[in-house]
Amino acid sequence: MPLDQHWDEQEEEGGGEMTFIEHLEELRWHIIRALAAIIIFTVLAFVFKTELWNGVILAPSRPDFWTYRKLCEFAEVVSAPDLCVKKIDFILINREMTGQFMMAITYSFFIGLSLAFPYAFWELWRFIRPGLRDVEVSASRGAVFWVTFLFFCGVLFGYYVVSPLAINFLADFKIDESIENQVDISSYVSLLVMMVLACGLTFQLPMIIFVLSQVGVMTPKFMREYRKHAFIVILIIAAIITPSPDIFSQLLVTAPLLLLYEISIFVSARVNNKREKARLASEIAEENEMRFRNNQ
């Protein structure tokens, strides 16, 4: 039985709290359902491995990738031919007999995990939600949607912006022209997955600030005061994410991160205003209650 249904039934019966064992039992079923979703998506990813590898995973390694084509179009507009990517100078190879098979299984799991993330998070939220107060539930309304939305925005940003820039730069970087880049498939895919998942997690910044603001750890005043420091940190993060030294690549990564920071300030300000209004309303209610008691 789902925890929220069990919780409602207990309230209708006159209260009472779930035991620790009952909590563990409910948590177990939520975890089982989340794992089942991950396994289903993993199996589907393995079944359609040819389409996924050719059309998604290996796409950034080819010059006809969407991002490279748009860079070439932009290069024509601004008369900067160096921005156009016409060749990705490396060859993908496999050095192990079981390499491709294990790669297909491993990264089918990563794809399954990414696709099942919304449902898995929803299952976790269903377990946590009944233990929250009404005010907390109201304040966190839409959490599943926003976490999912931000995660996939980060994944798309990592896949279409960060990864192609990193792959192109690393493929073109040579200490000597006589050295040919023969890249193991595991190295290429590891870089791609790391970039994509890192961006997916980085885009959770507004939700992290939302939670910290709810508990009073973060305030918009603090974030505004340290905006310059945050800008330097964002530049460092952008430099780490994109090894390319050109300013255009840096700006492509820095701009969305700065936007996320500003959105986080706005989120923190809204949470802070609601908390302040709730505090004032509580104080007024206490004063009115005291006056009523004194009049009696």
C-alpha atoms as a PDB file:
ATOM      1  CA  MET A   1       0.000   0.000   0.000  1.00  0.00           C
ATOM      2  CA  PRO A   2       1.405   3.459  -0.883  1.00  0.00           C
ATOM      3  CA  LEU A   3       2.526   5.512   2.081  1.00  0.00           C
ATOM      4  CA  ASP A   4       0.204   8.453   1.363  1.00  0.00           C
ATOM      5  CA  GLN A   5      -2.844   6.136   1.234  1.00  0.00           C
ATOM      6  CA  HIS A   6      -1.741   4.440   4.447  1.00  0.00           C
ATOM      7  CA  TRP A   7      -1.203   7.835   6.080  1.00  0.00           C
ATOM      8  CA  ASP A   8      -4.681   9.052   5.099  1.00  0.00           C
ATOM      9  CA  GLU A   9      -6.295   5.883   6.439  1.00  0.00           C
ATOM     10  CA  GLN A  10      -4.504   6.307   9.757  1.00  0.00           C
ATOM     11  CA  GLU A  11      -5.745   9.893  10.045  1.00  0.00           C
ATOM     12  CA  GLU A  12      -9.316   8.789   9.357  1.00  0.00           C
ATOM     13  CA  GLU A  13      -9.016   6.164  12.087  1.00  0.00           C
ATOM     14  CA  GLY A  14      -8.166   8.830  14.652  1.00  0.00           C
ATOM     15  CA  GLY A  15      -4.442   9.414  14.340  1.00  0.00           C
ATOM     16  CA  GLY A  16      -1.477   7.302  15.254  1.00  0.00           C
ATOM     17  CA  GLU A  17       1.967   7.189  13.773  1.00  0.00           C
ATOM     18  CA  MET A  18       3.560   4.559  11.576  1.00  0.00           C
ATOM     19  CA  THR A  19       6.172   2.387  13.224  1.00  0.00           C
ATOM     20  CA  PHE A  20       9.775   2.350  12.067  1.00  0.00           C
ATOM     21  CA  ILE A  21       9.284  -1.068  10.454  1.00  0.00           C
ATOM     22  CA  GLU A  22       6.201   0.179   8.584  1.00  0.00           C
ATOM     23  CA  HIS A  23       8.200   3.153   7.295  1.00  0.00           C
ATOM     24  CA  LEU A  24      10.927   0.806   6.067  1.00  0.00           C
ATOM     25  CA  GLU A  25       8.339  -1.413   4.378  1.00  0.00           C
ATOM     26  CA  GLU A  26       6.815   1.549   2.536  1.00  0.00           C
ATOM     27  CA  LEU A  27      10.259   2.843   1.578  1.00  0.00           C
ATOM     28  CA  ARG A  28      11.154  -0.604   0.235  1.00  0.00           C
ATOM     29  CA  TRP A  29       8.171  -0.602  -2.132  1.00  0.00           C
ATOM     30  CA  HIS A  30       8.917   2.904  -3.355  1.00  0.00           C
ATOM     31  CA  ILE A  31      12.520   1.862  -4.072  1.00  0.00           C
ATOM     32  CA  ILE A  32      11.355  -1.318  -5.820  1.00  0.00           C
ATOM     33  CA  ARG A  33       9.020   0.629  -8.122  1.00  0.00           C
ATOM     34  CA  ALA A  34      11.763   3.172  -8.905  1.00  0.00           C
ATOM     35  CA  LEU A  35      14.266   0.389  -9.680  1.00  0.00           C
ATOM     36  CA  ALA A  36      11.671  -1.354 -11.857  1.00  0.00           C
ATOM     37  CA  ALA A  37      11.282   1.820 -13.933  1.00  0.00           C
ATOM     38  CA  ILE A  38      15.067   2.109 -14.310  1.00  0.00           C
ATOM     39  CA  ILE A  39      15.333  -1.548 -15.390  1.00  0.00           C
ATOM     40  CA  ILE A  40      12.513  -1.152 -17.936  1.00  0.00           C
ATOM     41  CA  PHE A  41      14.138   1.903 -19.525  1.00  0.00           C
ATOM     42  CA  THR A  42      17.542   0.194 -19.420  1.00  0.00           C
ATOM     43  CA  VAL A  43      16.168  -2.838 -21.302  1.00  0.00           C
ATOM     44  CA  LEU A  44      14.511  -0.550 -23.869  1.00  0.00           C
ATOM     45  CA  ALA A  45      17.772   1.351 -24.325  1.00  0.00           C
ATOM     46  CA  PHE A  46      19.620  -1.932 -24.909  1.00  0.00           C
ATOM     47  CA  VAL A  47      16.988  -3.143 -27.390  1.00  0.00           C
ATOM     48  CA  PHE A  48      17.291   0.085 -29.377  1.00  0.00           C
ATOM     49  CA  LYS A  49      21.056   0.362 -28.847  1.00  0.00           C
ATOM     50  CA  THR A  50      21.827   0.717 -32.562  1.00  0.00           C
ATOM     51  CA  GLU A  51      19.544   3.725 -33.002  1.00  0.00           C
ATOM     52  CA  LEU A  52      20.661   5.334 -29.717  1.00  0.00           C
ATOM     53  CA  TRP A  53      24.379   4.883 -30.333  1.00  0.00           C
ATOM     54  CA  ASN A  54      24.298   6.017 -33.934  1.00  0.00           C
ATOM     55  CA  GLY A  55      21.807   8.856 -33.525  1.00  0.00           C
ATOM     56  CA  VAL A  56      22.578  10.100 -29.994  1.00  0.00           C
ATOM     57  CA  ILE A  57      25.795   8.929 -28.341  1.00  0.00           C
ATOM     58  CA  LEU A  58      28.090   9.002 -31.375  1.00  0.00           C
ATOM     59  CA  ALA A  59      26.438  12.031 -32.991  1.00  0.00           C
ATOM     60  CA  PRO A  60      28.726  14.659 -31.332  1.00  0.00           C
ATOM     61  CA  SER A  61      31.746  12.841 -32.822  1.00  0.00           C
ATOM     62  CA  ARG A  62      30.638  13.695 -36.378  1.00  0.00           C
ATOM     63  CA  PRO A  63      30.867  17.107 -38.090  1.00  0.00           C
ATOM     64  CA  ASP A  64      27.208  16.943 -39.225  1.00  0.00           C
ATOM     65  CA  PHE A  65      26.020  17.179 -35.616  1.00  0.00           C
ATOM     66  CA  TRP A  66      23.359  19.876 -35.020  1.00  0.00           C
ATOM     67  CA  THR A  67      25.623  22.077 -32.883  1.00  0.00           C
ATOM     68  CA  TYR A  68      28.469  22.050 -35.417  1.00  0.00           C
ATOM     69  CA  ARG A  69      26.090  22.926 -38.237  1.00  0.00           C
ATOM     70  CA  LYS A  70      24.728  25.889 -36.265  1.00  0.00           C
ATOM     71  CA  LEU A  71      28.271  27.025 -35.466  1.00  0.00           C
ATOM     72  CA  CYS A  72      29.064  27.026 -39.174  1.00  0.00           C
ATOM     73  CA  GLU A  73      25.948  29.082 -39.886  1.00  0.00           C
ATOM     74  CA  PHE A  74      26.924  31.521 -37.134  1.00  0.00           C
ATOM     75  CA  ALA A  75      30.492  31.658 -38.489  1.00  0.00           C
ATOM     76  CA  GLU A  76      29.171  32.788 -41.872  1.00  0.00           C
ATOM     77  CA  VAL A  77      27.085  35.545 -40.291  1.00  0.00           C
ATOM     78  CA  VAL A  78      29.939  37.007 -38.225  1.00  0.00           C
ATOM     79  CA  SER A  79      32.617  36.242 -40.860  1.00  0.00           C
ATOM     80  CA  ALA A  80      34.609  34.032 -38.494  1.00  0.00           C
ATOM     81  CA  PRO A  81      35.450  30.845 -40.421  1.00  0.00           C
ATOM     82  CA  ASP A  82      37.495  29.420 -37.535  1.00  0.00           C
ATOM     83  CA  LEU A  83      34.257  28.811 -35.601  1.00  0.00           C
ATOM     84  CA  CYS A  84      33.007  26.384 -38.241  1.00  0.00           C
ATOM     85  CA  VAL A  85      33.681  22.729 -37.412  1.00  0.00           C
ATOM     86  CA  LYS A  86      34.288  20.805 -40.616  1.00  0.00           C
ATOM     87  CA  LYS A  87      36.213  17.842 -39.233  1.00  0.00           C
ATOM     88  CA  ILE A  88      36.461  15.997 -35.893  1.00  0.00           C
ATOM     89  CA  ASP A  89      40.043  14.776 -35.970  1.00  0.00           C
ATOM     90  CA  PHE A  90      39.972  11.471 -34.089  1.00  0.00           C
ATOM     91  CA  ILE A  91      39.116   7.818 -34.663  1.00  0.00           C
ATOM     92  CA  LEU A  92      37.043   5.779 -32.203  1.00  0.00           C
ATOM     93  CA  ILE A  93      38.414   2.318 -31.478  1.00  0.00           C
ATOM     94  CA  ASN A  94      37.718  -0.619 -29.183  1.00  0.00           C
ATOM     95  CA  ARG A  95      40.687  -2.420 -27.592  1.00  0.00           C
ATOM     96  CA  GLU A  96      38.916  -5.187 -25.653  1.00  0.00           C
ATOM     97  CA  MET A  97      37.087  -8.274 -26.896  1.00  0.00           C
ATOM     98  CA  THR A  98      34.125  -7.680 -24.567  1.00  0.00           C
ATOM     99  CA  GLY A  99      34.465  -3.876 -24.766  1.00  0.00           C
ATOM    100  CA  GLN A 100      31.526  -3.085 -27.025  1.00  0.00           C
ATOM    101  CA  PHE A 101      29.200  -5.552 -25.307  1.00  0.00           C
ATOM    102  CA  MET A 102      29.977  -4.236 -21.816  1.00  0.00           C
ATOM    103  CA  MET A 103      29.758  -0.674 -23.130  1.00  0.00           C
ATOM    104  CA  ALA A 104      26.278  -1.352 -24.504  1.00  0.00           C
ATOM    105  CA  ILE A 105      25.115  -2.735 -21.135  1.00  0.00           C
ATOM    106  CA  THR A 106      26.751  -0.049 -19.001  1.00  0.00           C
ATOM    107  CA  TYR A 107      25.503   2.932 -20.945  1.00  0.00           C
ATOM    108  CA  SER A 108      22.082   1.426 -21.487  1.00  0.00           C
ATOM    109  CA  PHE A 109      21.865   1.637 -17.703  1.00  0.00           C
ATOM    110  CA  PHE A 110      22.921   5.309 -17.694  1.00  0.00           C
ATOM    111  CA  ILE A 111      20.301   6.096 -20.342  1.00  0.00           C
ATOM    112  CA  GLY A 112      17.686   4.137 -18.401  1.00  0.00           C
ATOM    113  CA  LEU A 113      18.612   5.986 -15.213  1.00  0.00           C
ATOM    114  CA  SER A 114      18.284   9.378 -16.924  1.00  0.00           C
ATOM    115  CA  LEU A 115      14.925   8.561 -18.534  1.00  0.00           C
ATOM    116  CA  ALA A 116      13.522   7.045 -15.320  1.00  0.00           C
ATOM    117  CA  PHE A 117      14.737   9.970 -13.191  1.00  0.00           C
ATOM    118  CA  PRO A 118      11.352  11.807 -13.120  1.00  0.00           C
ATOM    119  CA  TYR A 119       9.469   8.700 -11.976  1.00  0.00           C
ATOM    120  CA  ALA A 120      12.163   7.722  -9.458  1.00  0.00           C
ATOM    121  CA  PHE A 121      12.118  11.213  -7.961  1.00  0.00           C
ATOM    122  CA  TRP A 122       8.304  11.129  -7.865  1.00  0.00           C
ATOM    123  CA  GLU A 123       8.425   7.859  -5.897  1.00  0.00           C
ATOM    124  CA  LEU A 124      10.849   9.436  -3.424  1.00  0.00           C
ATOM    125  CA  TRP A 125       8.573  12.473  -3.138  1.00  0.00           C
ATOM    126  CA  ARG A 126       5.544  10.231  -2.467  1.00  0.00           C
ATOM    127  CA  PHE A 127       7.422   8.743   0.481  1.00  0.00           C
ATOM    128  CA  ILE A 128       8.527  12.102   1.903  1.00  0.00           C
ATOM    129  CA  ARG A 129       5.327  14.116   1.301  1.00  0.00           C
ATOM    130  CA  PRO A 130       3.035  12.537   3.948  1.00  0.00           C
ATOM    131  CA  GLY A 131       5.533  13.464   6.674  1.00  0.00           C
ATOM    132  CA  LEU A 132       5.466  17.163   5.798  1.00  0.00           C
ATOM    133  CA  ARG A 133       3.240  19.777   7.361  1.00  0.00           C
ATOM    134  CA  ASP A 134       0.536  21.443   5.255  1.00  0.00           C
ATOM    135  CA  VAL A 135       2.584  24.628   4.993  1.00  0.00           C
ATOM    136  CA  GLU A 136       5.639  22.685   3.777  1.00  0.00           C
ATOM    137  CA  VAL A 137       3.564  20.725   1.265  1.00  0.00           C
ATOM    138  CA  SER A 138       2.076  23.953  -0.072  1.00  0.00           C
ATOM    139  CA  ALA A 139       5.495  25.596  -0.307  1.00  0.00           C
ATOM    140  CA  SER A 140       6.986  22.652  -2.202  1.00  0.00           C
ATOM    141  CA  ARG A 141       4.108  22.259  -4.666  1.00  0.00           C
ATOM    142  CA  GLY A 142       5.449  21.520  -8.137  1.00  0.00           C
ATOM    143  CA  ALA A 143       8.802  20.236  -6.829  1.00  0.00           C
ATOM    144  CA  VAL A 144       8.718  17.091  -8.971  1.00  0.00           C
ATOM    145  CA  PHE A 145       7.988  19.107 -12.126  1.00  0.00           C
ATOM    146  CA  TRP A 146      10.710  21.693 -11.527  1.00  0.00           C
ATOM    147  CA  VAL A 147      13.379  19.166 -10.535  1.00  0.00           C
ATOM    148  CA  THR A 148      12.601  17.148 -13.671  1.00  0.00           C
ATOM    149  CA  PHE A 149      12.419  20.224 -15.908  1.00  0.00           C
ATOM    150  CA  LEU A 150      15.734  21.622 -14.654  1.00  0.00           C
ATOM    151  CA  PHE A 151      17.429  18.227 -14.909  1.00  0.00           C
ATOM    152  CA  PHE A 152      16.475  17.727 -18.549  1.00  0.00           C
ATOM    153  CA  CYS A 153      17.329  21.351 -19.391  1.00  0.00           C
ATOM    154  CA  GLY A 154      20.787  20.685 -17.957  1.00  0.00           C
ATOM    155  CA  VAL A 155      21.076  17.391 -19.853  1.00  0.00           C
ATOM    156  CA  LEU A 156      20.158  19.069 -23.149  1.00  0.00           C
ATOM    157  CA  PHE A 157      22.561  21.937 -22.466  1.00  0.00           C
ATOM    158  CA  GLY A 158      25.341  19.480 -21.671  1.00  0.00           C
ATOM    159  CA  TYR A 159      24.619  17.393 -24.760  1.00  0.00           C
ATOM    160  CA  TYR A 160      24.156  20.172 -27.327  1.00  0.00           C
ATOM    161  CA  VAL A 161      26.547  22.829 -25.998  1.00  0.00           C
ATOM    162  CA  VAL A 162      29.161  21.660 -23.497  1.00  0.00           C
ATOM    163  CA  SER A 163      29.968  18.194 -24.878  1.00  0.00           C
ATOM    164  CA  PRO A 164      30.438  19.210 -28.552  1.00  0.00           C
ATOM    165  CA  LEU A 165      32.695  22.110 -27.555  1.00  0.00           C
ATOM    166  CA  ALA A 166      34.810  19.873 -25.319  1.00  0.00           C
ATOM    167  CA  ILE A 167      34.992  17.036 -27.861  1.00  0.00           C
ATOM    168  CA  ASN A 168      35.944  19.368 -30.705  1.00  0.00           C
ATOM    169  CA  PHE A 169      38.644  21.113 -28.681  1.00  0.00           C
ATOM    170  CA  LEU A 170      40.200  17.904 -27.337  1.00  0.00           C
ATOM    171  CA  ALA A 171      40.113  16.293 -30.794  1.00  0.00           C
ATOM    172  CA  ASP A 172      41.873  19.276 -32.394  1.00  0.00           C
ATOM    173  CA  PHE A 173      44.450  19.733 -29.643  1.00  0.00           C
ATOM    174  CA  LYS A 174      47.796  18.218 -30.636  1.00  0.00           C
ATOM    175  CA  ILE A 175      51.274  18.543 -29.203  1.00  0.00           C
ATOM    176  CA  ASP A 176      52.654  17.344 -32.553  1.00  0.00           C
ATOM    177  CA  GLU A 177      51.052  16.821 -35.964  1.00  0.00           C
ATOM    178  CA  SER A 178      52.619  13.378 -36.270  1.00  0.00           C
ATOM    179  CA  ILE A 179      50.497  12.046 -33.404  1.00  0.00           C
ATOM    180  CA  GLU A 180      47.163  10.581 -34.473  1.00  0.00           C
ATOM    181  CA  ASN A 181      44.209  10.588 -32.082  1.00  0.00           C
ATOM    182  CA  GLN A 182      42.869   7.056 -31.705  1.00  0.00           C
ATOM    183  CA  VAL A 183      40.395   7.320 -28.846  1.00  0.00           C
ATOM    184  CA  ASP A 184      39.027   4.315 -27.006  1.00  0.00           C
ATOM    185  CA  ILE A 185      35.230   4.248 -27.117  1.00  0.00           C
ATOM    186  CA  SER A 186      35.030   4.026 -23.310  1.00  0.00           C
ATOM    187  CA  SER A 187      37.047   7.252 -22.960  1.00  0.00           C
ATOM    188  CA  TYR A 188      34.788   9.106 -25.418  1.00  0.00           C
ATOM    189  CA  VAL A 189      31.535   7.944 -23.824  1.00  0.00           C
ATOM    190  CA  SER A 190      32.811   8.584 -20.290  1.00  0.00           C
ATOM    191  CA  LEU A 191      33.553  12.200 -21.251  1.00  0.00           C
ATOM    192  CA  LEU A 192      30.122  12.587 -22.861  1.00  0.00           C
ATOM    193  CA  VAL A 193      28.251  11.113 -19.884  1.00  0.00           C
ATOM    194  CA  MET A 194      30.273  13.130 -17.366  1.00  0.00           C
ATOM    195  CA  MET A 195      29.552  16.393 -19.185  1.00  0.00           C
ATOM    196  CA  VAL A 196      25.844  15.685 -19.626  1.00  0.00           C
ATOM    197  CA  LEU A 197      25.182  14.484 -16.068  1.00  0.00           C
ATOM    198  CA  ALA A 198      27.311  17.276 -14.559  1.00  0.00           C
ATOM    199  CA  CYS A 199      25.183  19.863 -16.365  1.00  0.00           C
ATOM    200  CA  GLY A 200      21.989  18.063 -15.334  1.00  0.00           C
ATOM    201  CA  LEU A 201      23.018  18.282 -11.684  1.00  0.00           C
ATOM    202  CA  THR A 202      24.359  21.853 -11.992  1.00  0.00           C
ATOM    203  CA  PHE A 203      20.988  23.025 -13.298  1.00  0.00           C
ATOM    204  CA  GLN A 204      19.457  21.949  -9.966  1.00  0.00           C
ATOM    205  CA  LEU A 205      20.913  25.102  -8.369  1.00  0.00           C
ATOM    206  CA  PRO A 206      17.535  26.932  -8.108  1.00  0.00           C
ATOM    207  CA  MET A 207      15.977  23.930  -6.341  1.00  0.00           C
ATOM    208  CA  ILE A 208      18.927  23.656  -3.953  1.00  0.00           C
ATOM    209  CA  ILE A 209      18.609  27.360  -3.147  1.00  0.00           C
ATOM    210  CA  PHE A 210      14.852  26.874  -2.716  1.00  0.00           C
ATOM    211  CA  VAL A 211      15.410  24.172  -0.077  1.00  0.00           C
ATOM    212  CA  LEU A 212      18.155  26.139   1.700  1.00  0.00           C
ATOM    213  CA  SER A 213      15.941  29.240   1.727  1.00  0.00           C
ATOM    214  CA  GLN A 214      13.052  27.256   3.162  1.00  0.00           C
ATOM    215  CA  VAL A 215      15.147  26.230   6.164  1.00  0.00           C
ATOM    216  CA  GLY A 216      16.575  29.741   6.537  1.00  0.00           C
ATOM    217  CA  VAL A 217      20.169  28.887   5.574  1.00  0.00           C
ATOM    218  CA  MET A 218      20.192  31.004   2.384  1.00  0.00           C
ATOM    219  CA  THR A 219      18.844  34.527   1.900  1.00  0.00           C
ATOM    220  CA  PRO A 220      18.594  36.748  -1.200  1.00  0.00           C
ATOM    221  CA  LYS A 221      20.575  39.441   0.622  1.00  0.00           C
ATOM    222  CA  PHE A 222      23.507  37.052   1.074  1.00  0.00           C
ATOM    223  CA  MET A 223      23.380  35.969  -2.573  1.00  0.00           C
ATOM    224  CA  ARG A 224      23.294  39.563  -3.819  1.00  0.00           C
ATOM    225  CA  GLU A 225      26.226  40.574  -1.591  1.00  0.00           C
ATOM    226  CA  TYR A 226      28.346  37.711  -2.903  1.00  0.00           C
ATOM    227  CA  ARG A 227      27.251  38.015  -6.545  1.00  0.00           C
ATOM    228  CA  LYS A 228      30.758  39.057  -7.647  1.00  0.00           C
ATOM    229  CA  HIS A 229      32.294  36.090  -5.859  1.00  0.00           C
ATOM    230  CA  ALA A 230      29.711  33.808  -7.461  1.00  0.00           C
ATOM    231  CA  PHE A 231      30.607  35.236 -10.869  1.00  0.00           C
ATOM    232  CA  ILE A 232      34.258  34.254 -10.363  1.00  0.00           C
ATOM    233  CA  VAL A 233      33.239  30.752  -9.233  1.00  0.00           C
ATOM    234  CA  ILE A 234      30.988  30.396 -12.299  1.00  0.00           C
ATOM    235  CA  LEU A 235      33.874  31.416 -14.567  1.00  0.00           C
ATOM    236  CA  ILE A 236      36.055  28.767 -12.928  1.00  0.00           C
ATOM    237  CA  ILE A 237      33.322  26.131 -13.340  1.00  0.00           C
ATOM    238  CA  ALA A 238      32.874  27.128 -16.988  1.00  0.00           C
ATOM    239  CA  ALA A 239      36.627  26.827 -17.527  1.00  0.00           C
ATOM    240  CA  ILE A 240      36.618  23.340 -15.997  1.00  0.00           C
ATOM    241  CA  ILE A 241      33.585  22.168 -17.943  1.00  0.00           C
ATOM    242  CA  THR A 242      34.870  23.518 -21.265  1.00  0.00           C
ATOM    243  CA  PRO A 243      38.602  22.933 -21.749  1.00  0.00           C
ATOM    244  CA  SER A 244      38.497  25.111 -24.854  1.00  0.00           C
ATOM    245  CA  PRO A 245      40.332  28.426 -24.220  1.00  0.00           C
ATOM    246  CA  ASP A 246      38.376  30.537 -26.744  1.00  0.00           C
ATOM    247  CA  ILE A 247      36.102  33.202 -25.273  1.00  0.00           C
ATOM    248  CA  PHE A 248      33.084  32.155 -27.344  1.00  0.00           C
ATOM    249  CA  SER A 249      32.942  28.695 -25.732  1.00  0.00           C
ATOM    250  CA  GLN A 250      33.422  30.208 -22.287  1.00  0.00           C
ATOM    251  CA  LEU A 251      30.527  32.619 -22.809  1.00  0.00           C
ATOM    252  CA  LEU A 252      28.231  29.863 -24.075  1.00  0.00           C
ATOM    253  CA  VAL A 253      28.672  28.024 -20.772  1.00  0.00           C
ATOM    254  CA  THR A 254      28.944  31.047 -18.460  1.00  0.00           C
ATOM    255  CA  ALA A 255      25.740  32.785 -19.593  1.00  0.00           C
ATOM    256  CA  PRO A 256      23.289  30.001 -18.581  1.00  0.00           C
ATOM    257  CA  LEU A 257      25.077  29.516 -15.238  1.00  0.00           C
ATOM    258  CA  LEU A 258      24.792  33.236 -14.491  1.00  0.00           C
ATOM    259  CA  LEU A 259      21.112  33.100 -15.450  1.00  0.00           C
ATOM    260  CA  LEU A 260      20.625  30.167 -13.059  1.00  0.00           C
ATOM    261  CA  TYR A 261      22.245  32.172 -10.271  1.00  0.00           C
ATOM    262  CA  GLU A 262      19.953  35.150 -10.888  1.00  0.00           C
ATOM    263  CA  ILE A 263      16.928  32.834 -10.979  1.00  0.00           C
ATOM    264  CA  SER A 264      18.112  31.368  -7.674  1.00  0.00           C
ATOM    265  CA  ILE A 265      18.185  34.855  -6.141  1.00  0.00           C
ATOM    266  CA  PHE A 266      14.605  35.405  -7.318  1.00  0.00           C
ATOM    267  CA  VAL A 267      13.544  32.024  -5.883  1.00  0.00           C
ATOM    268  CA  SER A 268      15.229  32.781  -2.555  1.00  0.00           C
ATOM    269  CA  ALA A 269      13.549  36.208  -2.419  1.00  0.00           C
ATOM    270  CA  ARG A 270      10.089  34.688  -2.984  1.00  0.00           C
ATOM    271  CA  VAL A 271      10.651  32.058  -0.312  1.00  0.00           C
ATOM    272  CA  ASN A 272      11.982  34.683   2.095  1.00  0.00           C
ATOM    273  CA  ASN A 273       8.959  36.942   1.497  1.00  0.00           C
ATOM    274  CA  LYS A 274       6.540  34.081   2.123  1.00  0.00           C
ATOM    275  CA  ARG A 275       8.362  33.100   5.308  1.00  0.00           C
ATOM    276  CA  GLU A 276       8.301  36.716   6.497  1.00  0.00           C
ATOM    277  CA  LYS A 277       4.576  37.069   5.763  1.00  0.00           C
ATOM    278  CA  ALA A 278       3.873  33.794   7.566  1.00  0.00           C
ATOM    279  CA  ARG A 279       5.901  34.988  10.560  1.00  0.00           C
ATOM    280  CA  LEU A 280       4.062  38.323  10.702  1.00  0.00           C
ATOM    281  CA  ALA A 281       0.703  36.587  10.355  1.00  0.00           C
ATOM    282  CA  SER A 282       1.630  34.244  13.199  1.00  0.00           C
ATOM    283  CA  GLU A 283       2.684  37.164  15.412  1.00  0.00           C
ATOM    284  CA  ILE A 284      -0.547  39.058  14.677  1.00  0.00           C
ATOM    285  CA  ALA A 285      -2.587  35.952  15.435  1.00  0.00           C
ATOM    286  CA  GLU A 286      -0.768  35.510  18.763  1.00  0.00           C
ATOM    287  CA  GLU A 287      -1.314  39.172  19.666  1.00  0.00           C
ATOM    288  CA  ASN A 288      -5.016  38.950  18.847  1.00  0.00           C
ATOM    289  CA  GLU A 289      -5.315  35.804  20.920  1.00  0.00           C
ATOM    290  CA  MET A 290      -3.583  37.486  23.871  1.00  0.00           C
ATOM    291  CA  ARG A 291      -5.900  40.512  23.607  1.00  0.00           C
ATOM    292  CA  PHE A 292      -8.936  38.262  23.460  1.00  0.00           C
ATOM    293  CA  ARG A 293      -7.807  36.426  26.593  1.00  0.00           C
ATOM    294  CA  ASN A 294      -7.055  39.693  28.417  1.00  0.00           C
ATOM    295  CA  ASN A 295     -10.504  41.112  27.547  1.00  0.00           C
ATOM    296  CA  GLN A 296     -12.146  38.065  29.023  1.00  0.00           C
END
